[in-house]
Amino acid sequence: MRAALPLGQDDRTTMASIAPDNPPINEVGGGVDTHQDTHTAAMIDPVGRVLGTELFPATPAGYTTLLAWMRAFGQLTRVGVEGTGVYGAGLIRLLQAEHIDVIEIDRPDRKARRFKGKSDPIDAIAAAKAALAGERTGIAKQRDGQVEALRCLRIARRSAVDQRAGIQRQIKTCLPGPPPPAAHRGDQRPR
């Protein structure tokens, strides 16, 4: 006869768990659609499932909050950003300082946008998927060094050329024009 065991226990042997003691870190990717005042971020898992989207202010505090929000989903492997040269420049500096792989994402082509619709969350999700898939991507613009110096010189030159043309037009409007044509006298000869 078997001895009685306390409630909740039996005499079967327990099987060793097949799950590892340290589960793998959940790797995730992000995408950001940048604008002047706000950035819309989206997070996806490695198979492309959307984990979340959120809107953040385009300020240094907003960039920090955006990064913390992204890291809350798991190990951030790569972030795709639309508009790294203009509205996303501050965010790019923060992400690169944190050693996060940043990819510049081209705007989606019009045909794809027509079928999927246009909204900031849709664009952020598309940026995240493109970054993880490695399609329509480029190296994020660096806003320092020789390339930035040349960009500033080109902007200054373009501005000077535009101002020169405008000033020439203003001067021409101030100059007196040619004398008015003599009145048409016709063929009147004294008879």
N, C-alpha and C. Protein backbone atom coordinates (compact mmCIF):
# COMPACT_ATOMS: atom_id res chain seq x y z
N MET A 1 0.83 -1.16 0.00
CA MET A 1 0.00 0.00 0.00
C MET A 1 0.89 1.24 0.00
N ARG A 2 0.44 2.29 -0.72
CA ARG A 2 1.23 3.53 -0.85
C ARG A 2 0.91 4.48 0.27
N ALA A 3 1.94 5.21 0.67
CA ALA A 3 1.73 6.19 1.74
C ALA A 3 1.02 7.40 1.15
N ALA A 4 0.20 8.00 1.91
CA ALA A 4 -0.53 9.18 1.46
C ALA A 4 0.42 10.37 1.36
N LEU A 5 0.31 11.12 0.28
CA LEU A 5 1.12 12.32 0.06
C LEU A 5 0.29 13.55 0.41
N PRO A 6 0.95 14.61 0.81
CA PRO A 6 0.20 15.84 1.08
C PRO A 6 -0.55 16.28 -0.17
N LEU A 7 -1.64 17.03 0.02
CA LEU A 7 -2.43 17.51 -1.10
C LEU A 7 -1.57 18.30 -2.07
N GLY A 8 -1.81 18.11 -3.36
CA GLY A 8 -1.08 18.84 -4.39
C GLY A 8 0.21 18.17 -4.81
N GLN A 9 0.60 17.08 -4.19
CA GLN A 9 1.82 16.39 -4.57
C GLN A 9 1.48 14.98 -4.99
N ASP A 10 2.25 14.45 -5.90
CA ASP A 10 2.10 13.04 -6.24
C ASP A 10 3.49 12.44 -6.32
N ASP A 11 3.54 11.15 -6.53
CA ASP A 11 4.85 10.49 -6.48
C ASP A 11 5.51 10.38 -7.85
N ARG A 12 4.95 11.04 -8.86
CA ARG A 12 5.59 11.00 -10.19
C ARG A 12 6.84 11.86 -10.19
N THR A 13 7.78 11.47 -10.98
CA THR A 13 9.01 12.25 -11.07
C THR A 13 8.74 13.46 -11.94
N THR A 14 9.41 14.54 -11.62
CA THR A 14 9.22 15.75 -12.42
C THR A 14 10.18 15.73 -13.59
N MET A 15 9.71 16.20 -14.69
CA MET A 15 10.50 16.22 -15.91
C MET A 15 11.26 17.55 -15.98
N ALA A 16 12.47 17.49 -16.45
CA ALA A 16 13.27 18.71 -16.58
C ALA A 16 12.64 19.61 -17.64
N SER A 17 12.68 20.88 -17.39
CA SER A 17 12.12 21.86 -18.31
C SER A 17 12.97 21.92 -19.57
N ILE A 18 12.30 22.05 -20.71
CA ILE A 18 13.05 22.19 -21.96
C ILE A 18 13.29 23.66 -22.29
N ALA A 19 12.68 24.56 -21.54
CA ALA A 19 12.91 25.98 -21.74
C ALA A 19 14.25 26.34 -21.12
N PRO A 20 15.03 27.17 -21.79
CA PRO A 20 16.33 27.56 -21.22
C PRO A 20 16.13 28.41 -19.97
N ASP A 21 17.14 28.37 -19.09
CA ASP A 21 17.06 29.16 -17.87
C ASP A 21 17.01 30.65 -18.19
N ASN A 22 17.78 31.07 -19.19
CA ASN A 22 17.78 32.46 -19.62
C ASN A 22 17.03 32.55 -20.95
N PRO A 23 15.77 32.95 -20.93
CA PRO A 23 15.05 33.02 -22.20
C PRO A 23 15.71 34.04 -23.13
N PRO A 24 15.60 33.83 -24.46
CA PRO A 24 16.24 34.77 -25.38
C PRO A 24 15.61 36.16 -25.24
N ILE A 25 16.42 37.15 -25.45
CA ILE A 25 15.94 38.53 -25.37
C ILE A 25 15.07 38.80 -26.58
N ASN A 26 13.94 39.42 -26.34
CA ASN A 26 13.00 39.73 -27.41
C ASN A 26 13.56 40.88 -28.25
N GLU A 27 14.01 40.60 -29.47
CA GLU A 27 14.54 41.63 -30.35
C GLU A 27 13.38 42.28 -31.09
N VAL A 28 13.43 43.59 -31.17
CA VAL A 28 12.37 44.35 -31.84
C VAL A 28 13.00 45.41 -32.72
N GLY A 29 12.21 45.91 -33.66
CA GLY A 29 12.65 46.98 -34.55
C GLY A 29 11.67 48.12 -34.50
N GLY A 30 12.14 49.30 -34.84
CA GLY A 30 11.27 50.47 -34.77
C GLY A 30 11.30 51.26 -36.06
N GLY A 31 10.30 52.12 -36.19
CA GLY A 31 10.21 53.03 -37.32
C GLY A 31 9.67 54.36 -36.84
N VAL A 32 10.13 55.44 -37.46
CA VAL A 32 9.70 56.77 -37.05
C VAL A 32 9.38 57.60 -38.29
N ASP A 33 8.20 58.22 -38.28
CA ASP A 33 7.80 59.17 -39.31
C ASP A 33 7.96 60.55 -38.69
N THR A 34 8.90 61.34 -39.22
CA THR A 34 9.24 62.62 -38.59
C THR A 34 8.48 63.77 -39.22
N HIS A 35 8.15 64.74 -38.39
CA HIS A 35 7.52 65.99 -38.82
C HIS A 35 8.12 67.11 -38.00
N GLN A 36 7.76 68.35 -38.30
CA GLN A 36 8.36 69.49 -37.62
C GLN A 36 8.07 69.50 -36.13
N ASP A 37 6.82 69.24 -35.75
CA ASP A 37 6.43 69.36 -34.34
C ASP A 37 6.32 68.02 -33.61
N THR A 38 6.05 66.94 -34.33
CA THR A 38 5.87 65.63 -33.69
C THR A 38 6.54 64.54 -34.51
N HIS A 39 6.83 63.44 -33.82
CA HIS A 39 7.34 62.23 -34.47
C HIS A 39 6.40 61.09 -34.09
N THR A 40 6.02 60.28 -35.08
CA THR A 40 5.20 59.11 -34.81
C THR A 40 6.10 57.89 -34.89
N ALA A 41 6.11 57.09 -33.83
CA ALA A 41 6.96 55.90 -33.76
C ALA A 41 6.11 54.64 -33.77
N ALA A 42 6.68 53.59 -34.31
CA ALA A 42 6.01 52.28 -34.33
C ALA A 42 7.04 51.21 -33.99
N MET A 43 6.58 50.17 -33.33
CA MET A 43 7.45 49.05 -32.97
C MET A 43 6.88 47.77 -33.57
N ILE A 44 7.77 46.92 -34.09
CA ILE A 44 7.36 45.62 -34.63
C ILE A 44 8.31 44.55 -34.12
N ASP A 45 7.81 43.31 -34.14
CA ASP A 45 8.67 42.20 -33.76
C ASP A 45 9.37 41.67 -35.01
N PRO A 46 10.27 40.68 -34.87
CA PRO A 46 11.04 40.20 -36.03
C PRO A 46 10.20 39.63 -37.17
N VAL A 47 8.96 39.22 -36.90
CA VAL A 47 8.13 38.69 -37.98
C VAL A 47 7.19 39.74 -38.54
N GLY A 48 7.31 41.00 -38.09
CA GLY A 48 6.53 42.08 -38.66
C GLY A 48 5.23 42.41 -37.96
N ARG A 49 4.95 41.80 -36.82
CA ARG A 49 3.72 42.13 -36.09
C ARG A 49 3.88 43.46 -35.39
N VAL A 50 2.86 44.29 -35.49
CA VAL A 50 2.91 45.61 -34.87
C VAL A 50 2.70 45.47 -33.37
N LEU A 51 3.66 46.01 -32.61
CA LEU A 51 3.58 45.96 -31.14
C LEU A 51 2.95 47.22 -30.57
N GLY A 52 3.07 48.32 -31.30
CA GLY A 52 2.48 49.57 -30.82
C GLY A 52 2.90 50.75 -31.66
N THR A 53 2.12 51.82 -31.60
CA THR A 53 2.45 53.09 -32.22
C THR A 53 2.18 54.20 -31.21
N GLU A 54 2.94 55.27 -31.32
CA GLU A 54 2.80 56.37 -30.34
C GLU A 54 3.30 57.66 -30.98
N LEU A 55 2.75 58.78 -30.53
CA LEU A 55 3.12 60.11 -31.00
C LEU A 55 3.95 60.82 -29.92
N PHE A 56 5.07 61.43 -30.34
CA PHE A 56 5.97 62.10 -29.40
C PHE A 56 6.28 63.50 -29.91
N PRO A 57 6.52 64.45 -28.99
CA PRO A 57 6.92 65.79 -29.44
C PRO A 57 8.34 65.77 -30.00
N ALA A 58 8.58 66.64 -30.97
CA ALA A 58 9.91 66.72 -31.59
C ALA A 58 10.77 67.69 -30.79
N THR A 59 11.10 67.28 -29.57
CA THR A 59 11.95 68.05 -28.67
C THR A 59 12.97 67.10 -28.06
N PRO A 60 14.03 67.62 -27.47
CA PRO A 60 15.00 66.71 -26.82
C PRO A 60 14.35 65.81 -25.77
N ALA A 61 13.43 66.34 -24.99
CA ALA A 61 12.73 65.50 -24.00
C ALA A 61 11.86 64.46 -24.70
N GLY A 62 11.25 64.85 -25.80
CA GLY A 62 10.43 63.90 -26.57
C GLY A 62 11.26 62.78 -27.17
N TYR A 63 12.49 63.11 -27.63
CA TYR A 63 13.37 62.08 -28.18
C TYR A 63 13.74 61.06 -27.12
N THR A 64 14.04 61.54 -25.92
CA THR A 64 14.39 60.64 -24.81
C THR A 64 13.21 59.75 -24.45
N THR A 65 12.02 60.33 -24.41
CA THR A 65 10.81 59.55 -24.10
C THR A 65 10.55 58.52 -25.19
N LEU A 66 10.74 58.91 -26.45
CA LEU A 66 10.55 58.00 -27.58
C LEU A 66 11.49 56.81 -27.47
N LEU A 67 12.76 57.06 -27.16
CA LEU A 67 13.74 55.97 -27.03
C LEU A 67 13.38 55.05 -25.87
N ALA A 68 12.97 55.60 -24.74
CA ALA A 68 12.57 54.78 -23.59
C ALA A 68 11.36 53.92 -23.95
N TRP A 69 10.41 54.51 -24.68
CA TRP A 69 9.21 53.76 -25.10
C TRP A 69 9.61 52.60 -26.01
N MET A 70 10.52 52.84 -26.96
CA MET A 70 10.97 51.78 -27.87
C MET A 70 11.67 50.66 -27.10
N ARG A 71 12.52 51.03 -26.16
CA ARG A 71 13.27 50.01 -25.41
C ARG A 71 12.37 49.20 -24.48
N ALA A 72 11.20 49.70 -24.14
CA ALA A 72 10.28 48.96 -23.28
C ALA A 72 9.75 47.70 -23.96
N PHE A 73 9.84 47.61 -25.28
CA PHE A 73 9.33 46.45 -26.02
C PHE A 73 10.35 45.32 -26.12
N GLY A 74 11.62 45.58 -25.85
CA GLY A 74 12.65 44.55 -25.93
C GLY A 74 13.96 45.15 -26.40
N GLN A 75 14.85 44.30 -26.85
CA GLN A 75 16.15 44.76 -27.32
C GLN A 75 15.98 45.41 -28.68
N LEU A 76 16.25 46.69 -28.74
CA LEU A 76 16.08 47.47 -29.97
C LEU A 76 17.25 47.20 -30.90
N THR A 77 16.97 46.56 -32.05
CA THR A 77 18.04 46.19 -32.97
C THR A 77 18.28 47.22 -34.05
N ARG A 78 17.20 47.81 -34.59
CA ARG A 78 17.35 48.73 -35.70
C ARG A 78 16.14 49.65 -35.74
N VAL A 79 16.40 50.91 -36.12
CA VAL A 79 15.33 51.89 -36.24
C VAL A 79 15.39 52.51 -37.63
N GLY A 80 14.28 52.48 -38.33
CA GLY A 80 14.16 53.15 -39.63
C GLY A 80 13.51 54.50 -39.43
N VAL A 81 14.10 55.53 -40.02
CA VAL A 81 13.59 56.89 -39.83
C VAL A 81 13.42 57.56 -41.19
N GLU A 82 12.23 58.14 -41.40
CA GLU A 82 11.99 58.96 -42.59
C GLU A 82 12.42 60.38 -42.26
N GLY A 83 13.16 61.01 -43.14
CA GLY A 83 13.53 62.41 -42.94
C GLY A 83 14.66 62.61 -41.96
N THR A 84 15.76 61.88 -42.13
CA THR A 84 16.87 61.99 -41.19
C THR A 84 17.64 63.30 -41.35
N GLY A 85 17.54 63.94 -42.51
CA GLY A 85 18.33 65.14 -42.75
C GLY A 85 17.70 66.41 -42.23
N VAL A 86 16.40 66.42 -41.98
CA VAL A 86 15.74 67.66 -41.60
C VAL A 86 15.08 67.49 -40.24
N TYR A 87 13.84 67.04 -40.23
CA TYR A 87 13.08 66.97 -38.98
C TYR A 87 13.58 65.87 -38.05
N GLY A 88 14.22 64.84 -38.57
CA GLY A 88 14.69 63.76 -37.73
C GLY A 88 16.13 63.90 -37.26
N ALA A 89 16.79 65.03 -37.56
CA ALA A 89 18.22 65.18 -37.26
C ALA A 89 18.51 65.07 -35.76
N GLY A 90 17.69 65.69 -34.92
CA GLY A 90 17.92 65.63 -33.47
C GLY A 90 17.74 64.22 -32.94
N LEU A 91 16.71 63.53 -33.41
CA LEU A 91 16.47 62.15 -32.99
C LEU A 91 17.61 61.24 -33.43
N ILE A 92 18.10 61.45 -34.63
CA ILE A 92 19.20 60.63 -35.15
C ILE A 92 20.44 60.77 -34.27
N ARG A 93 20.75 62.01 -33.87
CA ARG A 93 21.92 62.21 -33.01
C ARG A 93 21.79 61.43 -31.71
N LEU A 94 20.59 61.44 -31.11
CA LEU A 94 20.38 60.70 -29.86
C LEU A 94 20.52 59.20 -30.09
N LEU A 95 19.88 58.67 -31.13
CA LEU A 95 19.93 57.23 -31.39
C LEU A 95 21.36 56.78 -31.67
N GLN A 96 22.11 57.56 -32.45
CA GLN A 96 23.48 57.18 -32.75
C GLN A 96 24.37 57.28 -31.52
N ALA A 97 24.11 58.25 -30.65
CA ALA A 97 24.87 58.36 -29.40
C ALA A 97 24.62 57.15 -28.51
N GLU A 98 23.44 56.55 -28.63
CA GLU A 98 23.10 55.36 -27.85
C GLU A 98 23.50 54.07 -28.57
N HIS A 99 24.25 54.19 -29.67
CA HIS A 99 24.76 53.05 -30.45
C HIS A 99 23.64 52.18 -31.00
N ILE A 100 22.60 52.82 -31.49
CA ILE A 100 21.49 52.10 -32.12
C ILE A 100 21.65 52.22 -33.62
N ASP A 101 21.48 51.12 -34.34
CA ASP A 101 21.59 51.08 -35.79
C ASP A 101 20.43 51.87 -36.38
N VAL A 102 20.75 52.98 -37.06
CA VAL A 102 19.72 53.85 -37.64
C VAL A 102 19.81 53.77 -39.16
N ILE A 103 18.68 53.55 -39.79
CA ILE A 103 18.60 53.43 -41.24
C ILE A 103 17.68 54.53 -41.76
N GLU A 104 18.11 55.23 -42.81
CA GLU A 104 17.22 56.21 -43.43
C GLU A 104 16.28 55.49 -44.39
N ILE A 105 15.01 55.78 -44.26
CA ILE A 105 14.00 55.14 -45.08
C ILE A 105 13.48 56.13 -46.10
N ASP A 106 13.44 55.72 -47.36
CA ASP A 106 12.85 56.55 -48.40
C ASP A 106 11.34 56.61 -48.20
N ARG A 107 10.74 57.67 -48.69
CA ARG A 107 9.28 57.74 -48.63
C ARG A 107 8.71 56.59 -49.44
N PRO A 108 7.60 56.01 -48.99
CA PRO A 108 6.99 54.92 -49.76
C PRO A 108 6.55 55.43 -51.12
N ASP A 109 6.63 54.57 -52.12
CA ASP A 109 6.20 55.02 -53.44
C ASP A 109 4.69 55.26 -53.46
N ARG A 110 4.26 56.07 -54.39
CA ARG A 110 2.86 56.50 -54.41
C ARG A 110 1.89 55.35 -54.62
N LYS A 111 2.29 54.38 -55.42
CA LYS A 111 1.39 53.25 -55.67
C LYS A 111 1.12 52.48 -54.38
N ALA A 112 2.17 52.21 -53.61
CA ALA A 112 2.00 51.50 -52.34
C ALA A 112 1.17 52.33 -51.37
N ARG A 113 1.39 53.64 -51.34
CA ARG A 113 0.63 54.50 -50.43
C ARG A 113 -0.83 54.55 -50.82
N ARG A 114 -1.12 54.48 -52.11
CA ARG A 114 -2.50 54.53 -52.57
C ARG A 114 -3.27 53.31 -52.06
N PHE A 115 -2.62 52.15 -52.04
CA PHE A 115 -3.32 50.93 -51.62
C PHE A 115 -3.40 50.80 -50.10
N LYS A 116 -2.38 51.27 -49.39
CA LYS A 116 -2.35 51.10 -47.93
C LYS A 116 -2.92 52.29 -47.18
N GLY A 117 -3.03 53.43 -47.85
CA GLY A 117 -3.51 54.63 -47.18
C GLY A 117 -2.34 55.47 -46.70
N LYS A 118 -2.66 56.65 -46.21
CA LYS A 118 -1.63 57.56 -45.74
C LYS A 118 -2.00 58.07 -44.36
N SER A 119 -1.16 57.77 -43.41
CA SER A 119 -1.27 58.33 -42.07
C SER A 119 0.10 58.19 -41.43
N ASP A 120 0.33 58.95 -40.39
CA ASP A 120 1.63 58.89 -39.73
C ASP A 120 1.91 57.51 -39.12
N PRO A 121 0.94 56.87 -38.43
CA PRO A 121 1.21 55.52 -37.92
C PRO A 121 1.51 54.51 -39.04
N ILE A 122 0.78 54.60 -40.15
CA ILE A 122 1.04 53.69 -41.27
C ILE A 122 2.46 53.90 -41.80
N ASP A 123 2.87 55.17 -41.94
CA ASP A 123 4.22 55.46 -42.42
C ASP A 123 5.29 54.98 -41.44
N ALA A 124 5.05 55.12 -40.14
CA ALA A 124 6.01 54.65 -39.13
C ALA A 124 6.13 53.13 -39.16
N ILE A 125 5.02 52.44 -39.31
CA ILE A 125 5.04 50.97 -39.40
C ILE A 125 5.79 50.55 -40.65
N ALA A 126 5.52 51.22 -41.77
CA ALA A 126 6.22 50.90 -43.02
C ALA A 126 7.72 51.15 -42.88
N ALA A 127 8.11 52.20 -42.17
CA ALA A 127 9.54 52.48 -41.95
C ALA A 127 10.18 51.38 -41.12
N ALA A 128 9.48 50.90 -40.09
CA ALA A 128 10.02 49.82 -39.25
C ALA A 128 10.18 48.54 -40.07
N LYS A 129 9.17 48.21 -40.86
CA LYS A 129 9.25 46.99 -41.68
C LYS A 129 10.34 47.09 -42.73
N ALA A 130 10.48 48.26 -43.36
CA ALA A 130 11.53 48.44 -44.37
C ALA A 130 12.91 48.35 -43.74
N ALA A 131 13.07 48.87 -42.53
CA ALA A 131 14.38 48.82 -41.87
C ALA A 131 14.75 47.38 -41.53
N LEU A 132 13.81 46.62 -41.00
CA LEU A 132 14.12 45.22 -40.64
C LEU A 132 14.33 44.37 -41.89
N ALA A 133 13.59 44.67 -42.96
CA ALA A 133 13.72 43.89 -44.19
C ALA A 133 14.93 44.33 -45.02
N GLY A 134 15.44 45.54 -44.77
CA GLY A 134 16.59 46.04 -45.52
C GLY A 134 16.23 46.55 -46.89
N GLU A 135 14.99 46.98 -47.10
CA GLU A 135 14.58 47.48 -48.41
C GLU A 135 14.36 48.99 -48.36
N ARG A 136 14.65 49.67 -49.49
CA ARG A 136 14.45 51.13 -49.61
C ARG A 136 15.14 51.88 -48.47
N THR A 137 16.37 51.50 -48.19
CA THR A 137 17.08 52.10 -47.05
C THR A 137 18.38 52.75 -47.48
N GLY A 138 18.91 53.58 -46.64
CA GLY A 138 20.20 54.21 -46.83
C GLY A 138 20.82 54.50 -45.49
N ILE A 139 22.02 54.99 -45.51
CA ILE A 139 22.70 55.35 -44.27
C ILE A 139 22.13 56.68 -43.80
N ALA A 140 21.84 56.76 -42.52
CA ALA A 140 21.29 58.00 -41.97
C ALA A 140 22.26 59.15 -42.17
N LYS A 141 21.72 60.31 -42.51
CA LYS A 141 22.55 61.48 -42.76
C LYS A 141 23.26 61.92 -41.48
N GLN A 142 24.54 62.21 -41.63
CA GLN A 142 25.32 62.75 -40.52
C GLN A 142 25.26 64.26 -40.63
N ARG A 143 24.97 64.95 -39.57
CA ARG A 143 24.86 66.41 -39.60
C ARG A 143 26.14 67.04 -39.06
N ASP A 144 27.29 66.47 -39.42
CA ASP A 144 28.57 67.03 -39.00
C ASP A 144 29.63 66.68 -40.03
N GLY A 145 30.82 67.21 -39.86
CA GLY A 145 31.93 66.87 -40.73
C GLY A 145 31.93 67.64 -42.03
N GLN A 146 32.70 67.15 -42.99
CA GLN A 146 32.90 67.83 -44.27
C GLN A 146 31.62 67.90 -45.10
N VAL A 147 30.84 66.85 -45.07
CA VAL A 147 29.61 66.84 -45.85
C VAL A 147 28.66 67.93 -45.36
N GLU A 148 28.55 68.09 -44.05
CA GLU A 148 27.69 69.13 -43.50
C GLU A 148 28.22 70.51 -43.85
N ALA A 149 29.54 70.69 -43.83
CA ALA A 149 30.12 71.98 -44.19
C ALA A 149 29.81 72.32 -45.65
N LEU A 150 29.91 71.34 -46.54
CA LEU A 150 29.57 71.58 -47.95
C LEU A 150 28.09 71.89 -48.12
N ARG A 151 27.25 71.22 -47.37
CA ARG A 151 25.81 71.47 -47.45
C ARG A 151 25.51 72.90 -47.03
N CYS A 152 26.16 73.38 -45.97
CA CYS A 152 25.95 74.76 -45.52
C CYS A 152 26.43 75.75 -46.57
N LEU A 153 27.57 75.47 -47.21
CA LEU A 153 28.07 76.36 -48.27
C LEU A 153 27.11 76.40 -49.45
N ARG A 154 26.56 75.26 -49.83
CA ARG A 154 25.60 75.22 -50.95
C ARG A 154 24.35 76.01 -50.61
N ILE A 155 23.88 75.90 -49.38
CA ILE A 155 22.69 76.65 -48.97
C ILE A 155 22.97 78.15 -49.03
N ALA A 156 24.13 78.57 -48.52
CA ALA A 156 24.48 79.99 -48.53
C ALA A 156 24.61 80.50 -49.97
N ARG A 157 25.23 79.72 -50.85
CA ARG A 157 25.40 80.15 -52.24
C ARG A 157 24.05 80.27 -52.92
N ARG A 158 23.19 79.25 -52.74
CA ARG A 158 21.87 79.28 -53.37
C ARG A 158 21.09 80.49 -52.90
N SER A 159 21.18 80.81 -51.61
CA SER A 159 20.49 81.97 -51.07
C SER A 159 21.04 83.25 -51.68
N ALA A 160 22.37 83.35 -51.82
CA ALA A 160 22.98 84.55 -52.41
C ALA A 160 22.57 84.72 -53.86
N VAL A 161 22.52 83.63 -54.61
CA VAL A 161 22.12 83.71 -56.02
C VAL A 161 20.66 84.17 -56.12
N ASP A 162 19.80 83.62 -55.29
CA ASP A 162 18.39 84.03 -55.30
C ASP A 162 18.24 85.49 -54.93
N GLN A 163 18.99 85.96 -53.92
CA GLN A 163 18.92 87.36 -53.51
C GLN A 163 19.44 88.28 -54.61
N ARG A 164 20.50 87.86 -55.28
CA ARG A 164 21.05 88.67 -56.37
C ARG A 164 20.02 88.86 -57.46
N ALA A 165 19.34 87.80 -57.85
CA ALA A 165 18.33 87.90 -58.90
C ALA A 165 17.18 88.81 -58.44
N GLY A 166 16.79 88.71 -57.19
CA GLY A 166 15.72 89.57 -56.68
C GLY A 166 16.12 91.03 -56.65
N ILE A 167 17.35 91.31 -56.27
CA ILE A 167 17.84 92.69 -56.23
C ILE A 167 17.91 93.26 -57.64
N GLN A 168 18.35 92.46 -58.62
CA GLN A 168 18.39 92.93 -60.00
C GLN A 168 16.99 93.30 -60.49
N ARG A 169 16.00 92.51 -60.14
CA ARG A 169 14.61 92.84 -60.53
C ARG A 169 14.16 94.14 -59.88
N GLN A 170 14.50 94.34 -58.60
CA GLN A 170 14.12 95.57 -57.92
C GLN A 170 14.76 96.79 -58.56
N ILE A 171 16.04 96.69 -58.91
CA ILE A 171 16.73 97.81 -59.54
C ILE A 171 16.09 98.14 -60.88
N LYS A 172 15.75 97.14 -61.66
CA LYS A 172 15.14 97.38 -62.97
C LYS A 172 13.80 98.10 -62.83
N THR A 173 13.06 97.82 -61.78
CA THR A 173 11.77 98.50 -61.62
C THR A 173 11.96 99.95 -61.18
N CYS A 174 13.10 100.27 -60.57
CA CYS A 174 13.36 101.64 -60.12
C CYS A 174 13.93 102.52 -61.22
N LEU A 175 14.58 101.95 -62.21
CA LEU A 175 15.19 102.74 -63.28
C LEU A 175 14.10 103.31 -64.18
N PRO A 176 14.32 104.56 -64.62
CA PRO A 176 13.33 105.09 -65.57
C PRO A 176 13.42 104.33 -66.88
N GLY A 177 12.31 104.12 -67.48
CA GLY A 177 12.27 103.39 -68.74
C GLY A 177 12.64 104.28 -69.90
N PRO A 178 12.58 103.77 -71.10
CA PRO A 178 12.89 104.59 -72.28
C PRO A 178 11.81 105.67 -72.44
N PRO A 179 12.14 106.77 -73.13
CA PRO A 179 11.13 107.81 -73.31
C PRO A 179 9.94 107.25 -74.08
N PRO A 180 8.78 107.82 -73.82
CA PRO A 180 7.61 107.32 -74.54
C PRO A 180 7.78 107.56 -76.03
N PRO A 181 7.22 106.71 -76.86
CA PRO A 181 7.39 106.88 -78.31
C PRO A 181 6.71 108.18 -78.76
N ALA A 182 7.31 108.78 -79.78
CA ALA A 182 6.74 110.01 -80.32
C ALA A 182 5.35 109.71 -80.84
N ALA A 183 4.48 110.71 -80.72
CA ALA A 183 3.10 110.51 -81.18
C ALA A 183 3.11 110.21 -82.66
N HIS A 184 2.29 109.36 -83.07
CA HIS A 184 2.21 108.97 -84.47
C HIS A 184 1.59 110.13 -85.25
N ARG A 185 2.38 110.66 -86.15
CA ARG A 185 1.90 111.80 -86.90
C ARG A 185 1.30 111.40 -88.23
N GLY A 186 1.57 110.24 -88.66
CA GLY A 186 1.03 109.80 -89.93
C GLY A 186 1.78 110.44 -91.08
N ASP A 187 1.24 110.35 -92.23
CA ASP A 187 1.88 110.91 -93.46
C ASP A 187 1.26 112.25 -93.79
N GLN A 188 1.27 113.17 -92.90
CA GLN A 188 0.74 114.49 -93.18
C GLN A 188 1.86 115.40 -93.68
N ARG A 189 1.76 115.74 -94.96
CA ARG A 189 2.75 116.65 -95.53
C ARG A 189 2.04 117.95 -95.89
N PRO A 190 2.78 118.98 -95.71
CA PRO A 190 2.14 120.23 -96.11
C PRO A 190 1.83 120.23 -97.58
N ARG A 191 0.67 120.69 -98.01
CA ARG A 191 0.29 120.66 -99.41
C ARG A 191 0.35 121.98 -100.02
